[in-house]
Amino acid sequence: MNFTQLRSFHAVARCGSFTQAARDLRVSQPTVTEQVRELEATHGIQVFNRAQRKVRLTAVGRSLYEITQRLFGIVSETDQFLHVAGNHGAGHLRISSVLPFFIVGMLTAFRQRYPEIKVTVSAGNSARTLSSLLAYETDIGVLSDHTPDHRLFTRIHDSHAIVAFVSRDHPWAGRKGIRLGDLDGQPMVLRESGSNTRRVFETAVVGAGVAPKVVLEIESGEAIREAVVAGHGIGVYGEKSLPQDERIKVLPIVDTDIRLNRYLACLNERRHELLVDAFFDVAGELV
């Protein structure tokens, strides 16, 4: 087994391009192409379908990529450990989070304790966060309710209610709260179908026989807030997700407790990495 050949294969599979893989590895494209060809020739396999303009994995390639994701995840863990051990706490922690402003308190506490650690935060819904964890693209995920996965270690961090909100000039702006049934037939602005906020909300309204009218579907929480302010309809969001905004009126759903849990997650095999373990410890102290 040739590690350099596997590294080139893994980079091409991850990037979907020989050119981008060469850039990432800081070598020439012919070098990457030749290493992949040697891998295929040595083992009598084909890992990429090159008949199309975009490089695509074959069935063998997909299986090999699952293995190299684990392999290079361990390589990254080893490199991180040696870097941290040799630099008195220096290192890089990658976090993917639903609504990153959720975790500012955790980040503040973590950086106060470990000021030399570089932290990178990316945003995405729970489905994207899970995908990045499983692809070894992030170390820790902060996500809402999700389907259990045996590959993950998860811990509930906190819980909050889903609330409705309207613009200040909406007819409901004078109310203190609403009933779930009030939303029947009402125009609503919701998150995309991969959002757990939407999934939990829709489960509740279907169970109650309530049928709102979804007029807009937007991936961005900030854009949903702006659409509600512009008068497109009623929004729903986790109460801790909504920043202070004088343009909107928050309306608790008084007859139904619809809740979202927020979890910290990592791959089981990475639970006791130094930086992952340190972040879990700091976050646990904030609960």
C-alpha atoms as a PDB file:
ATOM      1  CA  MET A   1       0.000   0.000   0.000  1.00  0.00           C
ATOM      2  CA  ASN A   2       1.404   3.373  -1.070  1.00  0.00           C
ATOM      3  CA  PHE A   3       0.403   6.224   1.251  1.00  0.00           C
ATOM      4  CA  THR A   4       1.169   8.925  -1.325  1.00  0.00           C
ATOM      5  CA  GLN A   5      -1.119   7.276  -3.869  1.00  0.00           C
ATOM      6  CA  LEU A   6      -3.897   7.041  -1.291  1.00  0.00           C
ATOM      7  CA  ARG A   7      -3.416  10.681  -0.356  1.00  0.00           C
ATOM      8  CA  SER A   8      -3.805  11.746  -3.984  1.00  0.00           C
ATOM      9  CA  PHE A   9      -6.878   9.546  -4.440  1.00  0.00           C
ATOM     10  CA  HIS A  10      -8.433  10.934  -1.263  1.00  0.00           C
ATOM     11  CA  ALA A  11      -7.825  14.544  -2.333  1.00  0.00           C
ATOM     12  CA  VAL A  12      -9.407  13.989  -5.762  1.00  0.00           C
ATOM     13  CA  ALA A  13     -12.404  12.181  -4.213  1.00  0.00           C
ATOM     14  CA  ARG A  14     -12.889  14.996  -1.699  1.00  0.00           C
ATOM     15  CA  CYS A  15     -12.502  17.830  -4.225  1.00  0.00           C
ATOM     16  CA  GLY A  16     -14.160  16.144  -7.211  1.00  0.00           C
ATOM     17  CA  SER A  17     -11.351  17.495  -9.370  1.00  0.00           C
ATOM     18  CA  PHE A  18      -7.744  16.546 -10.184  1.00  0.00           C
ATOM     19  CA  THR A  19      -6.891  20.242 -10.600  1.00  0.00           C
ATOM     20  CA  GLN A  20      -8.239  21.273  -7.193  1.00  0.00           C
ATOM     21  CA  ALA A  21      -6.678  18.226  -5.533  1.00  0.00           C
ATOM     22  CA  ALA A  22      -3.287  19.225  -6.936  1.00  0.00           C
ATOM     23  CA  ARG A  23      -3.744  22.738  -5.545  1.00  0.00           C
ATOM     24  CA  ASP A  24      -4.680  21.398  -2.124  1.00  0.00           C
ATOM     25  CA  LEU A  25      -1.695  19.043  -2.076  1.00  0.00           C
ATOM     26  CA  ARG A  26       0.613  21.700  -3.569  1.00  0.00           C
ATOM     27  CA  VAL A  27       1.852  19.431  -6.329  1.00  0.00           C
ATOM     28  CA  SER A  28       1.338  19.431 -10.101  1.00  0.00           C
ATOM     29  CA  GLN A  29      -1.815  17.981 -11.655  1.00  0.00           C
ATOM     30  CA  PRO A  30       0.184  15.409 -13.703  1.00  0.00           C
ATOM     31  CA  THR A  31       1.704  14.163 -10.432  1.00  0.00           C
ATOM     32  CA  VAL A  32      -1.733  13.585  -8.896  1.00  0.00           C
ATOM     33  CA  THR A  33      -3.020  11.958 -12.096  1.00  0.00           C
ATOM     34  CA  GLU A  34      -0.040   9.605 -12.255  1.00  0.00           C
ATOM     35  CA  GLN A  35      -0.324   8.606  -8.586  1.00  0.00           C
ATOM     36  CA  VAL A  36      -4.005   7.720  -9.012  1.00  0.00           C
ATOM     37  CA  ARG A  37      -3.232   5.728 -12.175  1.00  0.00           C
ATOM     38  CA  GLU A  38      -0.487   3.836 -10.348  1.00  0.00           C
ATOM     39  CA  LEU A  39      -2.932   3.043  -7.525  1.00  0.00           C
ATOM     40  CA  GLU A  40      -5.410   1.636 -10.043  1.00  0.00           C
ATOM     41  CA  ALA A  41      -2.759  -0.300 -11.978  1.00  0.00           C
ATOM     42  CA  THR A  42      -1.122  -1.783  -8.890  1.00  0.00           C
ATOM     43  CA  HIS A  43      -4.384  -3.195  -7.567  1.00  0.00           C
ATOM     44  CA  GLY A  44      -6.258  -3.795 -10.811  1.00  0.00           C
ATOM     45  CA  ILE A  45      -9.123  -1.448  -9.932  1.00  0.00           C
ATOM     46  CA  GLN A  46     -10.839   1.661 -11.284  1.00  0.00           C
ATOM     47  CA  VAL A  47     -11.638   4.309  -8.690  1.00  0.00           C
ATOM     48  CA  PHE A  48     -12.914   7.142 -10.908  1.00  0.00           C
ATOM     49  CA  ASN A  49     -15.241   7.374 -13.867  1.00  0.00           C
ATOM     50  CA  ARG A  50     -13.429   9.782 -16.180  1.00  0.00           C
ATOM     51  CA  ALA A  51     -15.942   9.601 -19.035  1.00  0.00           C
ATOM     52  CA  GLN A  52     -17.746  12.682 -17.755  1.00  0.00           C
ATOM     53  CA  ARG A  53     -16.397  16.205 -17.338  1.00  0.00           C
ATOM     54  CA  LYS A  54     -16.799  15.974 -13.559  1.00  0.00           C
ATOM     55  CA  VAL A  55     -14.758  13.244 -11.897  1.00  0.00           C
ATOM     56  CA  ARG A  56     -17.058  10.703 -10.256  1.00  0.00           C
ATOM     57  CA  LEU A  57     -16.261   7.790  -7.965  1.00  0.00           C
ATOM     58  CA  THR A  58     -16.932   4.240  -9.091  1.00  0.00           C
ATOM     59  CA  ALA A  59     -18.471   1.758  -6.651  1.00  0.00           C
ATOM     60  CA  VAL A  60     -14.960   0.607  -5.693  1.00  0.00           C
ATOM     61  CA  GLY A  61     -13.895   4.223  -5.358  1.00  0.00           C
ATOM     62  CA  ARG A  62     -16.788   5.042  -3.025  1.00  0.00           C
ATOM     63  CA  SER A  63     -15.886   2.118  -0.769  1.00  0.00           C
ATOM     64  CA  LEU A  64     -12.220   3.126  -0.757  1.00  0.00           C
ATOM     65  CA  TYR A  65     -13.136   6.753  -0.005  1.00  0.00           C
ATOM     66  CA  GLU A  66     -15.075   5.658   3.086  1.00  0.00           C
ATOM     67  CA  ILE A  67     -11.891   3.975   4.302  1.00  0.00           C
ATOM     68  CA  THR A  68      -9.579   6.887   3.465  1.00  0.00           C
ATOM     69  CA  GLN A  69     -11.898   9.296   5.269  1.00  0.00           C
ATOM     70  CA  ARG A  70     -11.267   7.306   8.448  1.00  0.00           C
ATOM     71  CA  LEU A  71      -7.571   6.915   7.637  1.00  0.00           C
ATOM     72  CA  PHE A  72      -6.907  10.606   7.077  1.00  0.00           C
ATOM     73  CA  GLY A  73      -9.140  11.492  10.003  1.00  0.00           C
ATOM     74  CA  ILE A  74      -6.727   9.518  12.193  1.00  0.00           C
ATOM     75  CA  VAL A  75      -3.763  11.158  10.470  1.00  0.00           C
ATOM     76  CA  SER A  76      -5.285  14.561  11.219  1.00  0.00           C
ATOM     77  CA  GLU A  77      -5.907  13.549  14.834  1.00  0.00           C
ATOM     78  CA  THR A  78      -2.296  12.395  15.183  1.00  0.00           C
ATOM     79  CA  ASP A  79      -0.980  15.600  13.667  1.00  0.00           C
ATOM     80  CA  GLN A  80      -3.211  17.659  15.938  1.00  0.00           C
ATOM     81  CA  PHE A  81      -2.077  15.748  19.019  1.00  0.00           C
ATOM     82  CA  LEU A  82       1.606  16.220  18.205  1.00  0.00           C
ATOM     83  CA  HIS A  83       1.059  19.885  17.412  1.00  0.00           C
ATOM     84  CA  VAL A  84      -0.780  20.502  20.675  1.00  0.00           C
ATOM     85  CA  ALA A  85       1.715  18.485  22.719  1.00  0.00           C
ATOM     86  CA  GLY A  86       4.678  20.286  21.200  1.00  0.00           C
ATOM     87  CA  ASN A  87       3.316  23.815  21.233  1.00  0.00           C
ATOM     88  CA  HIS A  88       1.956  24.153  24.746  1.00  0.00           C
ATOM     89  CA  GLY A  89      -1.686  24.261  23.835  1.00  0.00           C
ATOM     90  CA  ALA A  90      -1.589  25.542  20.241  1.00  0.00           C
ATOM     91  CA  GLY A  91      -3.919  23.832  17.784  1.00  0.00           C
ATOM     92  CA  HIS A  92      -6.959  24.215  15.543  1.00  0.00           C
ATOM     93  CA  LEU A  93     -10.534  23.234  16.439  1.00  0.00           C
ATOM     94  CA  ARG A  94     -13.192  23.139  13.699  1.00  0.00           C
ATOM     95  CA  ILE A  95     -16.834  23.576  14.739  1.00  0.00           C
ATOM     96  CA  SER A  96     -19.950  23.399  12.589  1.00  0.00           C
ATOM     97  CA  SER A  97     -23.067  24.875  14.171  1.00  0.00           C
ATOM     98  CA  VAL A  98     -26.691  25.641  13.489  1.00  0.00           C
ATOM     99  CA  LEU A  99     -26.935  29.400  14.014  1.00  0.00           C
ATOM    100  CA  PRO A 100     -23.337  30.094  15.166  1.00  0.00           C
ATOM    101  CA  PHE A 101     -24.369  32.936  17.471  1.00  0.00           C
ATOM    102  CA  PHE A 102     -25.809  30.135  19.632  1.00  0.00           C
ATOM    103  CA  ILE A 103     -22.311  29.143  20.672  1.00  0.00           C
ATOM    104  CA  VAL A 104     -20.660  32.500  21.354  1.00  0.00           C
ATOM    105  CA  GLY A 105     -20.820  31.839  25.108  1.00  0.00           C
ATOM    106  CA  MET A 106     -19.158  28.454  24.663  1.00  0.00           C
ATOM    107  CA  LEU A 107     -16.494  29.944  22.386  1.00  0.00           C
ATOM    108  CA  THR A 108     -15.771  32.753  24.834  1.00  0.00           C
ATOM    109  CA  ALA A 109     -15.318  30.361  27.754  1.00  0.00           C
ATOM    110  CA  PHE A 110     -13.192  27.995  25.653  1.00  0.00           C
ATOM    111  CA  ARG A 111     -10.870  30.713  24.361  1.00  0.00           C
ATOM    112  CA  GLN A 112     -10.444  32.192  27.830  1.00  0.00           C
ATOM    113  CA  ARG A 113      -9.122  28.818  28.966  1.00  0.00           C
ATOM    114  CA  TYR A 114      -7.227  27.947  25.774  1.00  0.00           C
ATOM    115  CA  PRO A 115      -6.209  31.277  24.177  1.00  0.00           C
ATOM    116  CA  GLU A 116      -3.659  29.682  21.832  1.00  0.00           C
ATOM    117  CA  ILE A 117      -6.210  27.445  20.133  1.00  0.00           C
ATOM    118  CA  LYS A 118      -7.430  28.656  16.743  1.00  0.00           C
ATOM    119  CA  VAL A 119     -11.181  28.034  16.345  1.00  0.00           C
ATOM    120  CA  THR A 120     -12.975  27.949  12.985  1.00  0.00           C
ATOM    121  CA  VAL A 121     -16.787  28.040  12.974  1.00  0.00           C
ATOM    122  CA  SER A 122     -18.930  27.197   9.949  1.00  0.00           C
ATOM    123  CA  ALA A 123     -22.710  27.493   9.672  1.00  0.00           C
ATOM    124  CA  GLY A 124     -25.291  25.042   8.356  1.00  0.00           C
ATOM    125  CA  ASN A 125     -28.484  23.247   9.269  1.00  0.00           C
ATOM    126  CA  SER A 126     -28.371  20.013  11.258  1.00  0.00           C
ATOM    127  CA  ALA A 127     -28.208  17.831   8.131  1.00  0.00           C
ATOM    128  CA  ARG A 128     -25.156  19.685   6.832  1.00  0.00           C
ATOM    129  CA  THR A 129     -23.504  19.649  10.237  1.00  0.00           C
ATOM    130  CA  LEU A 130     -23.925  15.870  10.444  1.00  0.00           C
ATOM    131  CA  SER A 131     -22.541  15.473   6.937  1.00  0.00           C
ATOM    132  CA  SER A 132     -19.417  17.495   7.766  1.00  0.00           C
ATOM    133  CA  LEU A 133     -18.831  15.457  10.935  1.00  0.00           C
ATOM    134  CA  LEU A 134     -19.069  12.158   9.076  1.00  0.00           C
ATOM    135  CA  ALA A 135     -16.750  13.449   6.344  1.00  0.00           C
ATOM    136  CA  TYR A 136     -14.110  14.479   8.937  1.00  0.00           C
ATOM    137  CA  GLU A 137     -14.466  18.076   7.777  1.00  0.00           C
ATOM    138  CA  THR A 138     -15.285  19.330  11.261  1.00  0.00           C
ATOM    139  CA  ASP A 139     -14.359  18.207  14.772  1.00  0.00           C
ATOM    140  CA  ILE A 140     -17.475  19.191  16.736  1.00  0.00           C
ATOM    141  CA  GLY A 141     -21.039  19.762  15.621  1.00  0.00           C
ATOM    142  CA  VAL A 142     -23.681  21.820  17.394  1.00  0.00           C
ATOM    143  CA  LEU A 143     -27.060  20.715  16.098  1.00  0.00           C
ATOM    144  CA  SER A 144     -30.736  20.323  16.883  1.00  0.00           C
ATOM    145  CA  ASP A 145     -32.760  17.108  17.168  1.00  0.00           C
ATOM    146  CA  HIS A 146     -31.600  14.464  14.717  1.00  0.00           C
ATOM    147  CA  THR A 147     -31.941  10.809  13.837  1.00  0.00           C
ATOM    148  CA  PRO A 148     -29.673   8.736  16.141  1.00  0.00           C
ATOM    149  CA  ASP A 149     -26.474   7.540  14.463  1.00  0.00           C
ATOM    150  CA  HIS A 150     -24.251   4.874  16.030  1.00  0.00           C
ATOM    151  CA  ARG A 151     -21.170   6.612  14.617  1.00  0.00           C
ATOM    152  CA  LEU A 152     -21.761   9.700  16.743  1.00  0.00           C
ATOM    153  CA  PHE A 153     -21.342  10.649  20.360  1.00  0.00           C
ATOM    154  CA  THR A 154     -23.978  13.266  21.266  1.00  0.00           C
ATOM    155  CA  ARG A 155     -24.886  15.117  24.435  1.00  0.00           C
ATOM    156  CA  ILE A 156     -27.858  17.417  25.035  1.00  0.00           C
ATOM    157  CA  HIS A 157     -26.629  20.908  25.813  1.00  0.00           C
ATOM    158  CA  ASP A 158     -29.944  22.708  26.311  1.00  0.00           C
ATOM    159  CA  SER A 159     -33.575  22.885  25.204  1.00  0.00           C
ATOM    160  CA  HIS A 160     -35.822  25.717  24.048  1.00  0.00           C
ATOM    161  CA  ALA A 161     -39.352  26.273  22.793  1.00  0.00           C
ATOM    162  CA  ILE A 162     -40.415  27.052  19.241  1.00  0.00           C
ATOM    163  CA  VAL A 163     -42.266  30.368  19.071  1.00  0.00           C
ATOM    164  CA  ALA A 164     -44.100  32.246  16.325  1.00  0.00           C
ATOM    165  CA  PHE A 165     -43.195  35.793  15.328  1.00  0.00           C
ATOM    166  CA  VAL A 166     -44.789  38.482  13.179  1.00  0.00           C
ATOM    167  CA  SER A 167     -43.973  41.973  11.960  1.00  0.00           C
ATOM    168  CA  ARG A 168     -44.961  44.925  14.162  1.00  0.00           C
ATOM    169  CA  ASP A 169     -47.664  45.940  11.686  1.00  0.00           C
ATOM    170  CA  HIS A 170     -49.226  42.465  11.530  1.00  0.00           C
ATOM    171  CA  PRO A 171     -52.802  42.153  12.906  1.00  0.00           C
ATOM    172  CA  TRP A 172     -51.495  39.779  15.581  1.00  0.00           C
ATOM    173  CA  ALA A 173     -48.808  42.165  16.834  1.00  0.00           C
ATOM    174  CA  GLY A 174     -51.033  43.203  19.754  1.00  0.00           C
ATOM    175  CA  ARG A 175     -51.395  39.642  21.052  1.00  0.00           C
ATOM    176  CA  LYS A 176     -49.434  38.131  23.909  1.00  0.00           C
ATOM    177  CA  GLY A 177     -49.504  34.660  22.388  1.00  0.00           C
ATOM    178  CA  ILE A 178     -51.334  32.361  19.957  1.00  0.00           C
ATOM    179  CA  ARG A 179     -52.810  28.878  19.874  1.00  0.00           C
ATOM    180  CA  LEU A 180     -51.427  26.352  17.412  1.00  0.00           C
ATOM    181  CA  GLY A 181     -54.813  26.174  15.668  1.00  0.00           C
ATOM    182  CA  ASP A 182     -54.620  29.908  14.921  1.00  0.00           C
ATOM    183  CA  LEU A 183     -52.019  29.091  12.260  1.00  0.00           C
ATOM    184  CA  ASP A 184     -54.482  27.071  10.167  1.00  0.00           C
ATOM    185  CA  GLY A 185     -54.570  28.581   6.664  1.00  0.00           C
ATOM    186  CA  GLN A 186     -52.195  31.400   7.616  1.00  0.00           C
ATOM    187  CA  PRO A 187     -49.322  32.392   5.272  1.00  0.00           C
ATOM    188  CA  MET A 188     -46.021  31.278   6.758  1.00  0.00           C
ATOM    189  CA  VAL A 189     -42.319  31.671   6.040  1.00  0.00           C
ATOM    190  CA  LEU A 190     -40.382  28.537   7.018  1.00  0.00           C
ATOM    191  CA  ARG A 191     -36.875  27.104   6.928  1.00  0.00           C
ATOM    192  CA  GLU A 192     -35.879  24.572   4.282  1.00  0.00           C
ATOM    193  CA  SER A 193     -36.935  20.929   4.612  1.00  0.00           C
ATOM    194  CA  GLY A 194     -33.537  19.893   6.062  1.00  0.00           C
ATOM    195  CA  SER A 195     -34.095  22.159   9.052  1.00  0.00           C
ATOM    196  CA  ASN A 196     -35.002  20.522  12.349  1.00  0.00           C
ATOM    197  CA  THR A 197     -37.009  23.586  13.382  1.00  0.00           C
ATOM    198  CA  ARG A 198     -39.279  22.976  10.422  1.00  0.00           C
ATOM    199  CA  ARG A 199     -39.433  19.221  10.987  1.00  0.00           C
ATOM    200  CA  VAL A 200     -40.439  19.584  14.641  1.00  0.00           C
ATOM    201  CA  PHE A 201     -42.965  22.327  13.843  1.00  0.00           C
ATOM    202  CA  GLU A 202     -44.557  20.376  10.981  1.00  0.00           C
ATOM    203  CA  THR A 203     -44.816  17.256  13.148  1.00  0.00           C
ATOM    204  CA  ALA A 204     -46.778  19.310  15.701  1.00  0.00           C
ATOM    205  CA  VAL A 205     -49.170  20.937  13.206  1.00  0.00           C
ATOM    206  CA  VAL A 206     -49.874  17.680  11.362  1.00  0.00           C
ATOM    207  CA  GLY A 207     -50.616  15.982  14.679  1.00  0.00           C
ATOM    208  CA  ALA A 208     -53.016  18.778  15.574  1.00  0.00           C
ATOM    209  CA  GLY A 209     -54.715  18.768  12.175  1.00  0.00           C
ATOM    210  CA  VAL A 210     -53.533  22.299  11.447  1.00  0.00           C
ATOM    211  CA  ALA A 211     -52.622  23.270   7.853  1.00  0.00           C
ATOM    212  CA  PRO A 212     -50.716  26.554   7.500  1.00  0.00           C
ATOM    213  CA  LYS A 213     -50.027  27.919   4.019  1.00  0.00           C
ATOM    214  CA  VAL A 214     -46.264  27.950   3.345  1.00  0.00           C
ATOM    215  CA  VAL A 215     -45.633  30.883   1.014  1.00  0.00           C
ATOM    216  CA  LEU A 216     -41.840  31.096   1.322  1.00  0.00           C
ATOM    217  CA  GLU A 217     -39.132  28.543   2.108  1.00  0.00           C
ATOM    218  CA  ILE A 218     -35.709  30.033   2.917  1.00  0.00           C
ATOM    219  CA  GLU A 219     -32.460  28.448   4.105  1.00  0.00           C
ATOM    220  CA  SER A 220     -31.260  31.492   6.048  1.00  0.00           C
ATOM    221  CA  GLY A 221     -32.688  32.359   9.456  1.00  0.00           C
ATOM    222  CA  GLU A 222     -31.762  35.999   8.939  1.00  0.00           C
ATOM    223  CA  ALA A 223     -33.594  36.039   5.592  1.00  0.00           C
ATOM    224  CA  ILE A 224     -36.683  34.519   7.205  1.00  0.00           C
ATOM    225  CA  ARG A 225     -36.727  37.314   9.756  1.00  0.00           C
ATOM    226  CA  GLU A 226     -36.448  39.919   6.996  1.00  0.00           C
ATOM    227  CA  ALA A 227     -39.243  38.235   5.007  1.00  0.00           C
ATOM    228  CA  VAL A 228     -41.518  38.311   8.056  1.00  0.00           C
ATOM    229  CA  VAL A 229     -40.708  41.987   8.639  1.00  0.00           C
ATOM    230  CA  ALA A 230     -41.527  42.640   4.968  1.00  0.00           C
ATOM    231  CA  GLY A 231     -44.993  41.177   5.537  1.00  0.00           C
ATOM    232  CA  HIS A 232     -44.740  37.875   3.666  1.00  0.00           C
ATOM    233  CA  GLY A 233     -46.164  35.861   6.520  1.00  0.00           C
ATOM    234  CA  ILE A 234     -45.670  34.385  10.000  1.00  0.00           C
ATOM    235  CA  GLY A 235     -42.398  32.799  11.025  1.00  0.00           C
ATOM    236  CA  VAL A 236     -41.530  30.188  13.631  1.00  0.00           C
ATOM    237  CA  TYR A 237     -38.168  29.783  15.288  1.00  0.00           C
ATOM    238  CA  GLY A 238     -36.475  28.533  18.414  1.00  0.00           C
ATOM    239  CA  GLU A 239     -36.869  31.192  21.092  1.00  0.00           C
ATOM    240  CA  LYS A 240     -33.111  31.308  21.699  1.00  0.00           C
ATOM    241  CA  SER A 241     -32.468  31.658  17.970  1.00  0.00           C
ATOM    242  CA  LEU A 242     -34.226  34.995  17.585  1.00  0.00           C
ATOM    243  CA  PRO A 243     -32.016  38.012  18.273  1.00  0.00           C
ATOM    244  CA  GLN A 244     -33.512  41.175  19.734  1.00  0.00           C
ATOM    245  CA  ASP A 245     -35.288  42.988  16.906  1.00  0.00           C
ATOM    246  CA  GLU A 246     -37.762  45.828  17.503  1.00  0.00           C
ATOM    247  CA  ARG A 247     -39.359  45.154  14.117  1.00  0.00           C
ATOM    248  CA  ILE A 248     -40.866  41.822  15.169  1.00  0.00           C
ATOM    249  CA  LYS A 249     -43.265  40.616  17.866  1.00  0.00           C
ATOM    250  CA  VAL A 250     -42.585  37.190  19.393  1.00  0.00           C
ATOM    251  CA  LEU A 251     -45.727  35.126  20.096  1.00  0.00           C
ATOM    252  CA  PRO A 252     -45.434  32.067  22.357  1.00  0.00           C
ATOM    253  CA  ILE A 253     -47.624  29.119  21.316  1.00  0.00           C
ATOM    254  CA  VAL A 254     -49.597  28.891  24.538  1.00  0.00           C
ATOM    255  CA  ASP A 255     -51.451  25.592  24.138  1.00  0.00           C
ATOM    256  CA  THR A 256     -48.621  23.418  22.759  1.00  0.00           C
ATOM    257  CA  ASP A 257     -45.075  22.950  24.017  1.00  0.00           C
ATOM    258  CA  ILE A 258     -43.006  22.437  20.863  1.00  0.00           C
ATOM    259  CA  ARG A 259     -39.364  22.121  21.839  1.00  0.00           C
ATOM    260  CA  LEU A 260     -35.976  21.750  20.225  1.00  0.00           C
ATOM    261  CA  ASN A 261     -33.005  20.160  21.918  1.00  0.00           C
ATOM    262  CA  ARG A 262     -29.535  21.423  21.110  1.00  0.00           C
ATOM    263  CA  TYR A 263     -26.737  18.845  21.055  1.00  0.00           C
ATOM    264  CA  LEU A 264     -22.973  18.758  21.008  1.00  0.00           C
ATOM    265  CA  ALA A 265     -21.784  15.988  18.715  1.00  0.00           C
ATOM    266  CA  CYS A 266     -18.587  14.381  17.485  1.00  0.00           C
ATOM    267  CA  LEU A 267     -17.571  11.079  15.967  1.00  0.00           C
ATOM    268  CA  ASN A 268     -17.392   8.314  18.586  1.00  0.00           C
ATOM    269  CA  GLU A 269     -13.816   7.556  17.617  1.00  0.00           C
ATOM    270  CA  ARG A 270     -12.817  11.195  18.186  1.00  0.00           C
ATOM    271  CA  ARG A 271     -14.563  11.750  21.514  1.00  0.00           C
ATOM    272  CA  HIS A 272     -11.334  11.726  23.516  1.00  0.00           C
ATOM    273  CA  GLU A 273      -9.159  13.807  21.227  1.00  0.00           C
ATOM    274  CA  LEU A 274      -7.519  16.534  23.277  1.00  0.00           C
ATOM    275  CA  LEU A 275      -9.304  19.540  21.802  1.00  0.00           C
ATOM    276  CA  VAL A 276     -12.669  17.815  21.393  1.00  0.00           C
ATOM    277  CA  ASP A 277     -12.578  16.616  24.992  1.00  0.00           C
ATOM    278  CA  ALA A 278     -11.566  20.088  26.188  1.00  0.00           C
ATOM    279  CA  PHE A 279     -14.473  21.760  24.358  1.00  0.00           C
ATOM    280  CA  PHE A 280     -16.999  19.260  25.742  1.00  0.00           C
ATOM    281  CA  ASP A 281     -15.672  19.914  29.254  1.00  0.00           C
ATOM    282  CA  VAL A 282     -15.949  23.697  28.912  1.00  0.00           C
ATOM    283  CA  ALA A 283     -19.447  23.508  27.390  1.00  0.00           C
ATOM    284  CA  GLY A 284     -20.561  21.175  30.175  1.00  0.00           C
ATOM    285  CA  GLU A 285     -19.611  23.741  32.785  1.00  0.00           C
ATOM    286  CA  LEU A 286     -21.955  26.269  31.174  1.00  0.00           C
ATOM    287  CA  VAL A 287     -25.101  24.128  31.427  1.00  0.00           C
END
